[in-house]
Structure formats: C-alpha cells, structure tokens
Protein backbone atom coordinates (compact mmCIF):
# COMPACT_ATOMS: atom_id res chain seq x y z
CA MET A 1 -6.72 6.42 5.81
CA ASP A 2 -7.88 2.80 5.76
CA ARG A 3 -5.70 2.05 2.74
CA PHE A 4 -2.65 3.65 4.33
CA PHE A 5 -2.54 1.28 7.30
CA THR A 6 -2.80 -1.76 5.02
CA SER A 7 -0.29 -0.47 2.47
CA THR A 8 3.17 -1.84 1.83
CA VAL A 9 4.76 1.48 2.76
CA TRP A 10 3.20 1.41 6.24
CA ASN A 11 4.17 -2.24 6.80
CA THR A 12 7.74 -1.52 5.70
CA PHE A 13 7.96 1.49 8.01
CA VAL A 14 6.68 -0.50 10.99
CA LEU A 15 9.10 -3.36 10.30
CA ILE A 16 12.05 -0.96 10.02
CA VAL A 17 11.16 0.69 13.32
CA LEU A 18 10.73 -2.69 15.01
CA GLY A 19 14.03 -3.85 13.49
CA ILE A 20 15.91 -0.84 14.84
CA ILE A 21 14.41 -1.32 18.29
CA ALA A 22 15.17 -5.05 18.17
CA PHE A 23 18.78 -4.40 17.12
CA PHE A 24 19.48 -2.07 20.03
CA THR A 25 17.68 -4.20 22.61
CA LYS A 26 19.14 -7.49 21.25
CA GLU A 27 15.66 -8.95 20.79
CA ILE A 28 15.96 -10.30 17.24
CA VAL A 29 13.72 -13.32 17.89
CA THR A 30 11.00 -11.01 19.21
CA PHE A 31 11.37 -8.92 16.04
CA PHE A 32 10.68 -11.94 13.85
CA MET A 33 7.76 -13.04 16.02
CA LEU A 34 6.20 -9.56 15.88
CA GLY A 35 6.74 -9.51 12.12
CA PHE A 36 4.87 -12.79 11.73
CA ILE A 37 2.06 -11.52 13.97
CA ILE A 38 1.75 -8.33 11.90
CA ILE A 39 1.58 -10.35 8.68
CA ILE A 40 -1.04 -12.70 10.12
CA LEU A 41 -3.18 -9.85 11.47
CA THR A 42 -2.99 -8.05 8.13
CA ASN A 43 -4.15 -11.19 6.33
CA ILE A 44 -7.01 -11.70 8.80
CA TYR A 45 -8.05 -8.06 8.36
CA GLY A 46 -8.08 -8.46 4.58
CA VAL A 47 -10.21 -11.61 4.73
CA LEU A 48 -12.69 -10.03 7.15
CA LYS A 49 -12.90 -6.96 4.92
CA ASP A 50 -13.67 -9.17 1.90
CA ILE A 51 -16.35 -11.04 3.85
CA ALA A 52 -17.94 -7.76 4.96
CA ARG A 53 -17.92 -6.52 1.36
CA LYS A 54 -19.64 -9.70 0.15
CA ILE A 55 -22.27 -9.50 2.88
CA ASP A 56 -22.95 -5.84 2.08
CA SER A 57 -23.31 -6.55 -1.63
CA SER A 58 -25.63 -9.50 -1.02
CA CYS A 59 -27.79 -7.37 1.31
CA ARG A 60 -28.05 -4.68 -1.36
CA ASN A 61 -29.08 -7.26 -3.95
CA ASP A 62 -31.75 -8.63 -1.60
CA ARG A 63 -33.25 -5.15 -1.16
CA LEU A 64 -33.63 -4.68 -4.91
C-alpha cells in the first residue's frame, strides 16, 4: 500500500480530481498551488524514506 500512494497513477488520479474540482469552482490558481504542494510533499517523503533506510542499514551493520 505504501508504494501505491507514492505511485504515478495515484498522483495522476489526485491531480485529475483536483483539476475537475478547480474547474467547476473556478479556482485554477489554487489547483496549481495544491499541485506544487503535493509534488513537494512527495519529494520530502521520498528523501525521508531514503534517510530512514540508510539509518536502518547502518544500525544493522553496527550490530554485526
């Protein structure tokens, strides 16, 4: 499930839904801002996940 929420399919689906809502509510600028926020949060999540993986692998190496 973790991979699904970071996948391209999920991001595309969310952006389409936000785009439809933005079109009908005439909030196009908000749509772009939310899109940028989603991209930034996804990048932050990926970096934090990589850091956690590196810390876990270094802890395992220290135990050996």
